[in-house]
Each structure stands twice: as structure tokens, then as C-alpha cells.
Amino acid sequence: MNIIRHSPGKVLSGAVEYGNLVFVSGTVPDNPDADIRAQTANILSKIDAVLAAAGTNKSNVLSASIWVTDIRNRDQMNEAWCAWIDPAHPPARATVEAKLADPRWLVEISVIAAK
């Protein structure tokens, strides 16, 4: 099988396709001064674009890993998440509190999707 790397960089690729799976790297916000709800919505729109480039969409997301800098902000993050996911096809998901590379980032999200 071929491996397809989307937006490869020095340290990582934005996404990697292998077989019928798409692995989206940890995605961070473009709006680091916004609140967690807005950061999450921004990240999810970026993930939509990556998934589309790989020939799939959010209805095919199998698993999501979400890192938040303060677990007390999970409800606000979930507001954007719940507005984004396909309610008929919710993925498996883990949400963990973690320190992120940029202290202005409040959330980072990675997903695995089927094609």
C-alpha cells in the first residue's frame, strides 16, 4: 500500500494516509488569543479541510484525541465539538489535560478517520 503524506514538514506531516485510514496530526488554533470555544471551532474547521484533501469527512472520524490546558474548560470546548461532530456518527474520544507548546493554545486535537 502507498503512504501519502499531506503537508509534510521538517518534524511532521499534517496528515498521513495509509490504506483506508487518515491520521491527522495534532492540530492547533490559528487564533491563539481567542477563548477555548473559538479555538476549538477554528481547529475543527482546519481538520475539515485536511479531511477533505484526503477524500473523507468528519462523518468518518473513528477516533479523536483532545488535549486541553485546563480540564475545567472542557464544557466550553465540548460546545464547539458537539456543534461540529456528526451526531449520527460520534467517534471514540479521549480528552486529557496537558501543557501545550504555546502557552496561548488552550486546545489541540488529533483525529483518525476512515476514507
Protein backbone atom coordinates (compact mmCIF):
# COMPACT_ATOMS: atom_id res chain seq x y z
CA MET A 1 0.00 0.00 0.00
CA ASN A 2 1.07 3.55 -0.65
CA ILE A 3 1.66 6.06 2.11
CA ILE A 4 0.53 9.59 1.25
CA ARG A 5 1.82 12.46 3.37
CA HIS A 6 -0.12 15.74 3.33
CA SER A 7 1.77 18.98 4.06
CA PRO A 8 5.00 17.26 5.09
CA GLY A 9 7.32 19.42 7.13
CA LYS A 10 10.59 19.13 8.95
CA VAL A 11 9.08 17.48 12.04
CA LEU A 12 5.70 16.09 10.95
CA SER A 13 3.10 15.83 8.22
CA GLY A 14 -0.28 17.50 8.57
CA ALA A 15 -1.87 14.14 7.84
CA VAL A 16 -0.83 10.71 6.63
CA GLU A 17 -2.97 8.36 4.57
CA TYR A 18 -2.36 4.62 4.71
CA GLY A 19 -4.81 2.19 3.23
CA ASN A 20 -8.29 3.42 4.08
CA LEU A 21 -7.16 5.44 7.11
CA VAL A 22 -6.24 9.10 7.50
CA PHE A 23 -4.18 10.11 10.53
CA VAL A 24 -4.44 13.86 11.22
CA SER A 25 -1.63 15.33 13.31
CA GLY A 26 -2.28 17.32 16.43
CA THR A 27 -3.93 20.49 15.16
CA VAL A 28 -3.63 23.79 16.99
CA PRO A 29 -5.54 27.06 16.60
CA ASP A 30 -4.73 29.97 14.30
CA ASN A 31 -6.44 32.27 16.81
CA PRO A 32 -4.37 31.75 19.99
CA ASP A 33 -5.81 34.77 21.77
CA ALA A 34 -9.41 33.52 21.49
CA ASP A 35 -11.29 31.55 24.14
CA ILE A 36 -11.30 27.74 24.05
CA ARG A 37 -14.66 27.54 22.27
CA ALA A 38 -13.39 29.71 19.39
CA GLN A 39 -10.02 27.92 19.32
CA THR A 40 -11.79 24.56 19.11
CA ALA A 41 -14.07 25.74 16.28
CA ASN A 42 -11.01 27.03 14.41
CA ILE A 43 -9.17 23.73 14.84
CA LEU A 44 -12.19 21.72 13.69
CA SER A 45 -12.53 23.84 10.54
CA LYS A 46 -8.84 23.14 9.83
CA ILE A 47 -9.45 19.42 10.38
CA ASP A 48 -12.41 19.59 7.95
CA ALA A 49 -10.04 20.95 5.28
CA VAL A 50 -7.41 18.26 5.93
CA LEU A 51 -10.02 15.51 5.81
CA ALA A 52 -11.47 16.89 2.57
CA ALA A 53 -7.99 16.99 0.99
CA ALA A 54 -7.65 13.31 1.91
CA GLY A 55 -11.04 12.45 0.41
CA THR A 56 -13.03 11.98 3.61
CA ASN A 57 -15.02 13.99 6.16
CA LYS A 58 -16.00 14.27 9.82
CA SER A 59 -18.68 11.57 9.49
CA ASN A 60 -15.84 9.09 9.03
CA VAL A 61 -13.82 10.13 12.08
CA LEU A 62 -13.15 6.97 14.07
CA SER A 63 -11.16 8.37 16.97
CA ALA A 64 -10.18 11.75 18.42
CA SER A 65 -7.56 12.75 20.95
CA ILE A 66 -8.05 16.13 22.56
CA TRP A 67 -5.62 17.91 24.83
CA VAL A 68 -6.81 20.89 26.90
CA THR A 69 -4.63 23.04 29.12
CA ASP A 70 -7.28 23.19 31.83
CA ILE A 71 -9.80 20.36 32.14
CA ARG A 72 -12.23 22.83 33.72
CA ASN A 73 -12.65 24.32 30.22
CA ARG A 74 -13.84 21.01 28.80
CA ASP A 75 -17.51 22.05 28.74
CA GLN A 76 -16.76 25.13 26.63
CA MET A 77 -14.61 23.04 24.29
CA ASN A 78 -17.44 20.49 24.07
CA GLU A 79 -19.85 23.19 22.88
CA ALA A 80 -17.79 23.65 19.71
CA TRP A 81 -17.10 19.91 19.46
CA CYS A 82 -20.80 18.96 19.70
CA ALA A 83 -21.71 21.59 17.10
CA TRP A 84 -19.13 20.02 14.75
CA ILE A 85 -19.46 16.26 15.06
CA ASP A 86 -21.94 14.25 13.06
CA PRO A 87 -24.37 13.24 15.83
CA ALA A 88 -25.22 10.05 13.94
CA HIS A 89 -21.55 9.03 13.86
CA PRO A 90 -19.73 10.18 17.01
CA PRO A 91 -16.13 8.93 17.23
CA ALA A 92 -14.34 7.30 20.11
CA ARG A 93 -12.63 10.10 22.03
CA ALA A 94 -10.21 10.88 24.83
CA THR A 95 -9.76 14.29 26.45
CA VAL A 96 -6.69 14.89 28.57
CA GLU A 97 -5.33 17.90 30.43
CA ALA A 98 -1.83 18.76 29.19
CA LYS A 99 0.65 21.56 28.83
CA LEU A 100 0.86 22.61 25.16
CA ALA A 101 3.84 24.01 23.22
CA ASP A 102 2.48 27.57 23.07
CA PRO A 103 1.01 28.82 26.35
CA ARG A 104 -1.70 30.71 24.42
CA TRP A 105 -3.07 27.49 22.94
CA LEU A 106 -5.89 26.13 25.07
CA VAL A 107 -6.64 23.02 22.99
CA GLU A 108 -5.07 20.66 20.46
CA ILE A 109 -6.92 17.96 18.53
CA SER A 110 -5.83 14.92 16.52
CA VAL A 111 -8.16 12.55 14.68
CA ILE A 112 -8.08 9.29 12.78
CA ALA A 113 -10.64 8.87 10.02
CA ALA A 114 -11.68 6.20 7.54
CA LYS A 115 -11.83 7.00 3.85
